[in-house]
């Protein structure tokens, strides 16, 4: 079994890599580990959907994977979801892709481009069809995500995006990961831990260390479950 784990930052990757030691190979952005019977490549792509799509596509050309995991922190629109909760983002979309029409925003799925109606899209949404049970992910809470270049932090835009897409979480690269993996027919999952709520920006309320600790714990559970199944 060969797994690719993709993070945006070294901060999100470091605790996981500490659990997986020792390193057996190292590149500029990727480190390879052998955990039980599993070969695990941990790739730090950089922040944003462009960096994620480029680095993921680049390394997928070098080898095949049985599973790809995009792991990282995220902001939650739902304040009933506790900080530190870990979710499997089973569908995502590029929330800013579309057109302005005066004060209105027309999402890309509403603009009648055929490519956004065909795989890997379903009416502009990337719905992950991976068999999660096969990888021990079926019990993880499922979430609906949006991906944006600009994280939302203004009441008016938060209200607008919530009414239009009804998302649970937002990230800066999740949809790019799903687009690449689904296009390449690679089983995948986007695992996110909630570090903050989507609201007017206040870093003092963010719980990044807690979110990363919980994320690392849940990802290790997935890896250990796969290793036990052989």
Protein backbone atom coordinates (compact mmCIF):
# COMPACT_ATOMS: atom_id res chain seq x y z
CA UNK A 1 0.00 0.00 0.00
CA UNK A 2 1.32 3.42 -0.97
CA UNK A 3 -0.23 6.58 0.46
CA UNK A 4 0.31 10.24 -0.39
CA UNK A 5 -0.41 12.75 2.38
CA UNK A 6 -0.62 16.36 1.24
CA UNK A 7 -0.48 19.37 3.56
CA UNK A 8 -0.28 23.06 2.72
CA UNK A 9 2.26 23.92 5.42
CA UNK A 10 5.09 22.35 7.38
CA UNK A 11 3.23 23.36 10.57
CA UNK A 12 0.42 20.94 9.67
CA UNK A 13 2.80 18.21 8.53
CA UNK A 14 5.46 18.24 11.26
CA UNK A 15 3.60 16.43 14.09
CA UNK A 16 2.50 13.71 11.68
CA UNK A 17 6.04 13.25 10.38
CA UNK A 18 7.27 12.93 13.96
CA UNK A 19 4.87 9.99 14.41
CA UNK A 20 6.00 8.33 11.18
CA UNK A 21 9.79 8.48 11.67
CA UNK A 22 12.30 7.42 10.47
CA UNK A 23 12.55 9.04 7.03
CA UNK A 24 13.72 6.66 4.31
CA UNK A 25 13.89 9.20 1.45
CA UNK A 26 13.75 12.99 1.20
CA UNK A 27 13.15 15.45 -1.63
CA UNK A 28 12.77 19.24 -1.54
CA UNK A 29 9.04 19.06 -0.74
CA UNK A 30 8.37 15.39 -0.04
CA UNK A 31 9.55 12.93 2.61
CA UNK A 32 9.04 9.17 2.43
CA UNK A 33 8.34 6.94 5.42
CA UNK A 34 7.77 3.22 5.92
CA UNK A 35 5.09 2.62 8.54
CA UNK A 36 4.46 -1.08 9.03
CA UNK A 37 3.65 -2.35 5.57
CA UNK A 38 2.71 1.07 4.19
CA UNK A 39 4.90 3.44 2.19
CA UNK A 40 3.83 7.00 3.04
CA UNK A 41 4.92 10.09 1.12
CA UNK A 42 4.26 13.39 2.92
CA UNK A 43 4.14 16.33 0.53
CA UNK A 44 4.08 19.97 1.68
CA UNK A 45 2.63 21.84 -1.29
CA UNK A 46 2.51 25.44 -0.14
CA UNK A 47 -0.61 27.52 0.48
CA UNK A 48 -3.44 27.95 -2.01
CA UNK A 49 -5.15 26.04 -4.77
CA UNK A 50 -2.56 26.85 -7.46
CA UNK A 51 0.36 25.53 -5.39
CA UNK A 52 -1.65 22.48 -4.35
CA UNK A 53 -2.72 21.57 -7.88
CA UNK A 54 0.78 22.09 -9.29
CA UNK A 55 2.69 20.12 -6.66
CA UNK A 56 0.13 17.33 -6.57
CA UNK A 57 0.15 16.98 -10.36
CA UNK A 58 3.94 17.09 -10.41
CA UNK A 59 4.40 14.27 -7.91
CA UNK A 60 1.60 12.13 -9.31
CA UNK A 61 3.64 11.94 -12.52
CA UNK A 62 6.43 10.28 -10.54
CA UNK A 63 4.44 7.39 -9.09
CA UNK A 64 1.07 5.80 -8.40
CA UNK A 65 -0.73 5.87 -5.06
CA UNK A 66 -3.44 3.65 -3.59
CA UNK A 67 -4.79 6.54 -1.51
CA UNK A 68 -4.24 10.31 -1.28
CA UNK A 69 -5.10 12.31 1.83
CA UNK A 70 -5.28 16.09 1.99
CA UNK A 71 -4.93 16.96 5.68
CA UNK A 72 -4.99 20.35 7.32
CA UNK A 73 -6.89 22.89 9.38
CA UNK A 74 -10.03 24.73 8.32
CA UNK A 75 -12.53 27.36 9.38
CA UNK A 76 -16.08 26.29 10.23
CA UNK A 77 -19.27 28.17 9.35
CA UNK A 78 -21.19 26.09 11.91
CA UNK A 79 -20.60 27.23 15.48
CA UNK A 80 -22.21 24.05 16.78
CA UNK A 81 -19.14 22.18 15.51
CA UNK A 82 -16.57 22.23 18.34
CA UNK A 83 -13.09 23.63 17.68
CA UNK A 84 -10.76 20.66 17.19
CA UNK A 85 -13.41 18.52 15.49
CA UNK A 86 -12.09 16.49 12.56
CA UNK A 87 -14.21 16.04 9.43
CA UNK A 88 -14.05 14.31 6.06
CA UNK A 89 -14.91 16.89 3.39
CA UNK A 90 -16.89 14.73 0.97
CA UNK A 91 -17.81 17.53 -1.40
CA UNK A 92 -16.19 20.84 -2.27
CA UNK A 93 -16.39 23.63 -4.81
CA UNK A 94 -14.53 26.71 -6.02
CA UNK A 95 -16.72 29.32 -4.34
CA UNK A 96 -15.26 32.35 -6.15
CA UNK A 97 -15.45 30.90 -9.65
CA UNK A 98 -18.20 32.65 -11.57
CA UNK A 99 -19.23 36.18 -12.55
CA UNK A 100 -20.51 39.34 -10.91
CA UNK A 101 -23.84 40.66 -12.15
CA UNK A 102 -24.22 44.02 -10.44
CA UNK A 103 -24.66 43.19 -6.75
CA UNK A 104 -25.31 39.52 -7.51
CA UNK A 105 -22.85 36.67 -7.94
CA UNK A 106 -23.44 33.95 -10.54
CA UNK A 107 -21.73 30.69 -9.61
CA UNK A 108 -19.90 28.80 -12.33
CA UNK A 109 -22.48 25.99 -12.22
CA UNK A 110 -25.16 28.52 -13.23
CA UNK A 111 -23.28 29.73 -16.32
CA UNK A 112 -24.02 26.73 -18.56
CA UNK A 113 -20.43 25.67 -19.21
CA UNK A 114 -20.64 22.01 -20.11
CA UNK A 115 -17.36 21.05 -18.41
CA UNK A 116 -18.81 21.94 -15.01
CA UNK A 117 -21.68 19.51 -15.59
CA UNK A 118 -19.44 16.55 -16.36
CA UNK A 119 -16.99 14.47 -14.29
CA UNK A 120 -15.30 15.24 -11.99
CA UNK A 121 -17.97 17.91 -11.47
CA UNK A 122 -21.63 17.46 -10.70
CA UNK A 123 -23.25 20.82 -11.46
CA UNK A 124 -20.11 22.62 -10.33
CA UNK A 125 -19.62 20.48 -7.20
CA UNK A 126 -16.80 17.99 -6.66
CA UNK A 127 -18.43 15.01 -4.93
CA UNK A 128 -15.92 12.46 -3.69
CA UNK A 129 -17.08 8.95 -4.56
CA UNK A 130 -14.22 7.13 -2.75
CA UNK A 131 -15.19 3.99 -0.79
CA UNK A 132 -14.36 5.47 2.61
CA UNK A 133 -15.13 2.24 4.46
CA UNK A 134 -12.24 0.54 2.68
CA UNK A 135 -9.84 2.94 4.40
CA UNK A 136 -11.51 3.18 7.81
CA UNK A 137 -13.00 6.61 7.13
CA UNK A 138 -16.68 5.75 7.14
CA UNK A 139 -17.24 6.81 10.78
CA UNK A 140 -15.63 10.23 10.42
CA UNK A 141 -18.09 13.12 10.35
CA UNK A 142 -18.78 14.26 6.79
CA UNK A 143 -18.70 17.90 5.72
CA UNK A 144 -19.49 20.15 2.77
CA UNK A 145 -16.65 22.51 1.88
CA UNK A 146 -15.89 25.56 -0.19
CA UNK A 147 -12.48 26.63 -1.48
CA UNK A 148 -11.57 30.31 -1.81
CA UNK A 149 -8.50 32.44 -2.45
CA UNK A 150 -9.67 34.90 0.20
CA UNK A 151 -10.81 33.57 3.57
CA UNK A 152 -14.08 35.20 4.56
CA UNK A 153 -14.02 37.67 7.45
CA UNK A 154 -16.83 40.16 6.87
CA UNK A 155 -20.42 39.73 8.06
CA UNK A 156 -21.97 40.60 4.70
CA UNK A 157 -19.84 38.22 2.63
CA UNK A 158 -20.13 35.42 5.20
CA UNK A 159 -23.92 35.76 5.11
CA UNK A 160 -23.93 35.81 1.30
CA UNK A 161 -21.71 32.74 0.91
CA UNK A 162 -23.67 30.83 3.55
CA UNK A 163 -26.98 31.49 1.81
CA UNK A 164 -25.61 30.56 -1.60
CA UNK A 165 -23.62 27.41 -0.82
CA UNK A 166 -24.54 26.37 2.75
CA UNK A 167 -20.97 25.21 3.48
CA UNK A 168 -19.75 23.60 6.69
CA UNK A 169 -16.09 24.59 6.26
CA UNK A 170 -13.79 26.63 4.05
CA UNK A 171 -10.18 26.15 2.96
CA UNK A 172 -7.78 27.66 0.44
CA UNK A 173 -7.02 24.48 -1.49
CA UNK A 174 -9.36 21.55 -0.82
CA UNK A 175 -11.29 21.65 -4.08
CA UNK A 176 -8.05 21.69 -6.09
CA UNK A 177 -6.98 18.48 -4.33
CA UNK A 178 -10.30 16.77 -5.07
CA UNK A 179 -10.27 17.95 -8.69
CA UNK A 180 -6.83 16.42 -9.35
CA UNK A 181 -7.42 13.15 -7.49
CA UNK A 182 -10.88 12.58 -8.94
CA UNK A 183 -9.64 13.38 -12.45
CA UNK A 184 -6.83 10.84 -12.00
CA UNK A 185 -9.20 8.27 -10.43
CA UNK A 186 -7.17 8.09 -7.23
CA UNK A 187 -9.06 7.14 -4.03
CA UNK A 188 -8.82 10.17 -1.79
CA UNK A 189 -10.12 12.00 1.25
CA UNK A 190 -9.88 15.57 2.48
CA UNK A 191 -9.48 15.41 6.26
CA UNK A 192 -9.79 18.74 8.07
CA UNK A 193 -9.65 19.82 11.70
CA UNK A 194 -11.52 22.94 12.79
CA UNK A 195 -9.15 25.63 14.10
CA UNK A 196 -11.56 28.58 14.08
CA UNK A 197 -14.99 29.79 13.12
CA UNK A 198 -15.61 31.82 9.98
CA UNK A 199 -16.30 35.27 11.40
CA UNK A 200 -14.68 38.68 11.63
CA UNK A 201 -10.99 37.82 11.89
CA UNK A 202 -9.68 37.42 15.45
CA UNK A 203 -6.57 35.24 15.67
CA UNK A 204 -6.80 35.23 19.48
CA UNK A 205 -9.81 32.91 19.17
CA UNK A 206 -8.07 30.45 16.88
CA UNK A 207 -6.94 27.11 18.36
CA UNK A 208 -4.35 26.02 15.80
CA UNK A 209 -2.22 23.78 18.09
CA UNK A 210 -5.35 21.97 19.32
CA UNK A 211 -6.65 21.51 15.77
CA UNK A 212 -3.32 20.15 14.51
CA UNK A 213 -3.01 17.77 17.48
CA UNK A 214 -6.51 16.40 16.85
CA UNK A 215 -5.84 16.18 13.12
CA UNK A 216 -2.62 14.22 13.67
CA UNK A 217 -4.38 11.82 16.02
CA UNK A 218 -7.19 11.08 13.57
CA UNK A 219 -4.88 10.68 10.57
CA UNK A 220 -2.72 8.24 12.55
CA UNK A 221 -5.86 6.22 13.35
CA UNK A 222 -6.57 5.95 9.62
CA UNK A 223 -3.00 4.88 8.89
CA UNK A 224 -2.98 2.31 11.69
CA UNK A 225 -6.31 0.90 10.54
CA UNK A 226 -5.01 0.50 6.98
CA UNK A 227 -1.82 -1.10 8.28
CA UNK A 228 -3.80 -3.65 10.34
CA UNK A 229 -5.90 -4.59 7.33
CA UNK A 230 -2.69 -5.18 5.37
